[in-house]
Each structure stands twice: as structure tokens, then as C-alpha cells.
């Protein structure tokens, strides 16, 4: 069994693990990768997050979130960052679904109906 190659991204780690297990990334063109970068900023009791989806062309898709902690929560290190980042990622997912919906609708001239599992 081949050992993973010291990957730096979750996508690389998954690809290495699948290769090691004898599987391939079926249907995914080589070199296709999306990266999400979450920037955090705290101030005045509010933590704000911006999640940007980067592909090899642009970072046009953006989600935002923020967290304001109640006084008892202030003693938990990092919780505001985690909550703001989670909201930004959820917002980014919503934006991505809307873009996909609009693209299907534009390509088919029929109202798109996309559903996510779950």
C-alpha cells in the first residue's frame, strides 16, 4: 500500500488516500481544484468572517458571517472565530447553490430545480 505523499490540502489528501486504496478520482479532471479561504477579523465585540471560493480563474463567490458572543461565552477561546467561519461557509454554500441554479436555468430556458442531499 502506498503511503500518502504529505499533501497540503484536503483534496490532495483525499486523492492520495484513494490512490493508495486503488481507487481513482472518477469523473474529476486532473488539476481541478477549488480552495476556500476564510478571513477573520475581530473588533468591538464582533468577529466577522469572509469565505472566498478560489478556483484557477477567480474568487468571485463569497460568503459572510459574524458572531457576537454573550458574556459567558467570552471565556471559550476561539468560539467566535468558529461560529463566524461556520456562518460564512454556510453562506458560501447558499451562494454556490444559487449560482448553480441560475446556470441550469440559463442553459435550459426552464426553471431550474436543484436540491441538495440531506
Foldseek 3Di string as FASTA:
>chain_A
DDDQDPDDDPVSRVQSVQVVVVHHPPPDDPPWDKDWDKDWDDDPQKIKIKIFIDTPPDRPQIFIFMDHDDVVCVVPPPPRVVRGRVRRVVRSVVSVVVVVQVVVCVVPVDRGDDDDDD
